[in-house]
Amino acid sequence: MRLLRSGDKPDGETVGLRTLAALARDWYGDRLDPAWRPRSAEESQRILGAHGLTGDFWRLTSSSASPQ
């Protein structure tokens, strides 16, 4: 793990713009639907995995899976 010079915080992950746009579409695309409900951690994890976002950095806990 490489540390950043300012603040010695570990690097995060780099995501390409196309991946980010596709993830945003899947993550927030149904938010205005009247039938919307918070998704489970497992459902959120599947969305991340479908976009190739895997590994420790992308592993969700149940408390971080459904930001309001």
N, C-alpha and C. Protein backbone atom coordinates (compact mmCIF):
# COMPACT_ATOMS: atom_id res chain seq x y z
N MET A 1 0.85 -1.17 0.00
CA MET A 1 0.00 0.00 0.00
C MET A 1 0.90 1.24 0.00
N ARG A 2 0.64 2.14 -0.90
CA ARG A 2 1.40 3.38 -1.00
C ARG A 2 0.68 4.45 -0.19
N LEU A 3 1.44 5.26 0.53
CA LEU A 3 0.84 6.35 1.29
C LEU A 3 0.99 7.66 0.55
N LEU A 4 -0.02 8.49 0.66
CA LEU A 4 0.05 9.81 0.07
C LEU A 4 0.93 10.70 0.91
N ARG A 5 1.56 11.67 0.30
CA ARG A 5 2.44 12.56 1.05
C ARG A 5 1.69 13.45 2.03
N SER A 6 0.56 13.97 1.63
CA SER A 6 -0.17 14.87 2.53
C SER A 6 -1.10 14.08 3.43
N GLY A 7 -0.79 14.03 4.69
CA GLY A 7 -1.65 13.36 5.65
C GLY A 7 -1.39 11.89 5.83
N ASP A 8 -0.50 11.30 5.03
CA ASP A 8 -0.18 9.87 5.16
C ASP A 8 -1.41 8.98 5.17
N LYS A 9 -2.36 9.27 4.32
CA LYS A 9 -3.55 8.43 4.20
C LYS A 9 -3.33 7.45 3.06
N PRO A 10 -3.82 6.22 3.18
CA PRO A 10 -3.64 5.25 2.10
C PRO A 10 -4.41 5.67 0.85
N ASP A 11 -3.88 5.29 -0.30
CA ASP A 11 -4.56 5.55 -1.57
C ASP A 11 -5.91 4.85 -1.58
N GLY A 12 -6.83 5.40 -2.33
CA GLY A 12 -8.10 4.75 -2.58
C GLY A 12 -8.01 3.95 -3.86
N GLU A 13 -9.05 3.94 -4.62
CA GLU A 13 -9.08 3.25 -5.89
C GLU A 13 -9.34 4.26 -7.00
N THR A 14 -8.80 3.99 -8.17
CA THR A 14 -9.05 4.83 -9.33
C THR A 14 -10.08 4.15 -10.20
N VAL A 15 -11.07 4.91 -10.62
CA VAL A 15 -12.15 4.37 -11.44
C VAL A 15 -12.26 5.25 -12.68
N GLY A 16 -12.33 4.62 -13.83
CA GLY A 16 -12.49 5.36 -15.08
C GLY A 16 -13.86 6.03 -15.16
N LEU A 17 -13.94 7.07 -15.94
CA LEU A 17 -15.18 7.84 -16.06
C LEU A 17 -16.33 6.99 -16.59
N ARG A 18 -16.07 6.14 -17.57
CA ARG A 18 -17.15 5.28 -18.10
C ARG A 18 -17.66 4.30 -17.05
N THR A 19 -16.73 3.74 -16.27
CA THR A 19 -17.14 2.83 -15.20
C THR A 19 -17.94 3.58 -14.15
N LEU A 20 -17.47 4.76 -13.79
CA LEU A 20 -18.17 5.57 -12.80
C LEU A 20 -19.57 5.95 -13.27
N ALA A 21 -19.70 6.34 -14.53
CA ALA A 21 -21.02 6.71 -15.07
C ALA A 21 -21.96 5.50 -15.08
N ALA A 22 -21.46 4.35 -15.49
CA ALA A 22 -22.29 3.14 -15.51
C ALA A 22 -22.69 2.73 -14.09
N LEU A 23 -21.75 2.83 -13.16
CA LEU A 23 -22.06 2.52 -11.76
C LEU A 23 -23.12 3.47 -11.23
N ALA A 24 -22.97 4.76 -11.48
CA ALA A 24 -23.94 5.75 -11.00
C ALA A 24 -25.33 5.46 -11.56
N ARG A 25 -25.38 5.08 -12.82
CA ARG A 25 -26.67 4.77 -13.45
C ARG A 25 -27.33 3.60 -12.73
N ASP A 26 -26.56 2.54 -12.45
CA ASP A 26 -27.13 1.37 -11.78
C ASP A 26 -27.41 1.65 -10.30
N TRP A 27 -26.56 2.43 -9.65
CA TRP A 27 -26.68 2.68 -8.21
C TRP A 27 -27.85 3.61 -7.90
N TYR A 28 -28.00 4.67 -8.71
CA TYR A 28 -29.01 5.69 -8.42
C TYR A 28 -30.16 5.75 -9.42
N GLY A 29 -30.11 4.93 -10.46
CA GLY A 29 -31.09 5.02 -11.54
C GLY A 29 -32.54 4.84 -11.15
N ASP A 30 -32.81 4.12 -10.09
CA ASP A 30 -34.20 3.88 -9.68
C ASP A 30 -34.61 4.71 -8.46
N ARG A 31 -33.78 5.64 -8.06
CA ARG A 31 -34.02 6.39 -6.82
C ARG A 31 -35.33 7.18 -6.83
N LEU A 32 -35.79 7.64 -7.98
CA LEU A 32 -37.03 8.41 -8.05
C LEU A 32 -38.26 7.55 -8.28
N ASP A 33 -38.07 6.26 -8.43
CA ASP A 33 -39.19 5.34 -8.61
C ASP A 33 -40.02 5.31 -7.33
N PRO A 34 -41.33 5.45 -7.42
CA PRO A 34 -42.17 5.42 -6.21
C PRO A 34 -42.04 4.11 -5.42
N ALA A 35 -41.65 3.03 -6.10
CA ALA A 35 -41.50 1.74 -5.43
C ALA A 35 -40.09 1.53 -4.89
N TRP A 36 -39.23 2.58 -4.95
CA TRP A 36 -37.84 2.43 -4.51
C TRP A 36 -37.78 2.01 -3.05
N ARG A 37 -36.82 1.18 -2.75
CA ARG A 37 -36.53 0.76 -1.37
C ARG A 37 -35.03 0.63 -1.24
N PRO A 38 -34.50 0.86 -0.05
CA PRO A 38 -33.06 0.67 0.13
C PRO A 38 -32.68 -0.77 -0.23
N ARG A 39 -31.57 -0.93 -0.89
CA ARG A 39 -31.15 -2.29 -1.26
C ARG A 39 -30.33 -2.90 -0.13
N SER A 40 -30.24 -4.19 -0.15
CA SER A 40 -29.43 -4.90 0.85
C SER A 40 -27.95 -4.76 0.51
N ALA A 41 -27.11 -5.08 1.47
CA ALA A 41 -25.66 -5.05 1.24
C ALA A 41 -25.29 -6.02 0.12
N GLU A 42 -25.95 -7.16 0.06
CA GLU A 42 -25.66 -8.15 -0.97
C GLU A 42 -26.02 -7.61 -2.35
N GLU A 43 -27.16 -6.93 -2.46
CA GLU A 43 -27.55 -6.35 -3.75
C GLU A 43 -26.55 -5.27 -4.17
N SER A 44 -26.16 -4.45 -3.24
CA SER A 44 -25.18 -3.40 -3.53
C SER A 44 -23.84 -4.00 -3.94
N GLN A 45 -23.44 -5.07 -3.27
CA GLN A 45 -22.18 -5.72 -3.61
C GLN A 45 -22.23 -6.29 -5.01
N ARG A 46 -23.38 -6.83 -5.40
CA ARG A 46 -23.54 -7.36 -6.77
C ARG A 46 -23.40 -6.25 -7.80
N ILE A 47 -23.93 -5.07 -7.52
CA ILE A 47 -23.81 -3.96 -8.46
C ILE A 47 -22.34 -3.58 -8.63
N LEU A 48 -21.62 -3.47 -7.53
CA LEU A 48 -20.20 -3.15 -7.61
C LEU A 48 -19.46 -4.21 -8.43
N GLY A 49 -19.72 -5.48 -8.14
CA GLY A 49 -19.06 -6.57 -8.85
C GLY A 49 -19.38 -6.58 -10.33
N ALA A 50 -20.60 -6.21 -10.69
CA ALA A 50 -21.00 -6.18 -12.10
C ALA A 50 -20.19 -5.15 -12.89
N HIS A 51 -19.61 -4.20 -12.19
CA HIS A 51 -18.80 -3.16 -12.84
C HIS A 51 -17.30 -3.42 -12.63
N GLY A 52 -16.98 -4.62 -12.17
CA GLY A 52 -15.58 -4.99 -11.99
C GLY A 52 -14.94 -4.39 -10.75
N LEU A 53 -15.74 -3.86 -9.85
CA LEU A 53 -15.22 -3.23 -8.64
C LEU A 53 -15.23 -4.27 -7.53
N THR A 54 -14.13 -4.97 -7.42
CA THR A 54 -14.00 -6.07 -6.47
C THR A 54 -12.76 -5.85 -5.61
N GLY A 55 -12.57 -6.68 -4.65
CA GLY A 55 -11.41 -6.57 -3.78
C GLY A 55 -11.77 -5.92 -2.46
N ASP A 56 -10.79 -5.84 -1.59
CA ASP A 56 -11.02 -5.34 -0.24
C ASP A 56 -11.59 -3.92 -0.21
N PHE A 57 -11.09 -3.04 -1.06
CA PHE A 57 -11.55 -1.65 -1.05
C PHE A 57 -13.05 -1.57 -1.29
N TRP A 58 -13.56 -2.45 -2.15
CA TRP A 58 -14.97 -2.39 -2.55
C TRP A 58 -15.88 -3.27 -1.70
N ARG A 59 -15.34 -3.94 -0.71
CA ARG A 59 -16.16 -4.80 0.14
C ARG A 59 -17.00 -3.94 1.07
N LEU A 60 -18.30 -4.12 1.00
CA LEU A 60 -19.23 -3.33 1.80
C LEU A 60 -19.57 -4.00 3.12
N THR A 61 -19.90 -3.19 4.07
CA THR A 61 -20.50 -3.70 5.31
C THR A 61 -21.97 -3.35 5.23
N SER A 62 -22.78 -3.96 6.04
CA SER A 62 -24.22 -3.69 5.98
C SER A 62 -24.52 -2.25 6.32
N SER A 63 -23.69 -1.57 7.12
CA SER A 63 -23.96 -0.18 7.48
C SER A 63 -23.59 0.79 6.37
N SER A 64 -22.75 0.39 5.41
CA SER A 64 -22.35 1.33 4.35
C SER A 64 -22.99 1.02 3.01
N ALA A 65 -23.85 0.02 2.94
CA ALA A 65 -24.37 -0.43 1.66
C ALA A 65 -25.41 0.48 1.06
N SER A 66 -26.21 1.15 1.85
CA SER A 66 -27.32 1.93 1.31
C SER A 66 -27.26 3.36 1.82
N PRO A 67 -26.39 4.18 1.25
CA PRO A 67 -26.36 5.57 1.71
C PRO A 67 -27.67 6.27 1.40
N GLN A 68 -28.15 7.06 2.30
CA GLN A 68 -29.44 7.74 2.14
C GLN A 68 -29.26 9.12 1.59
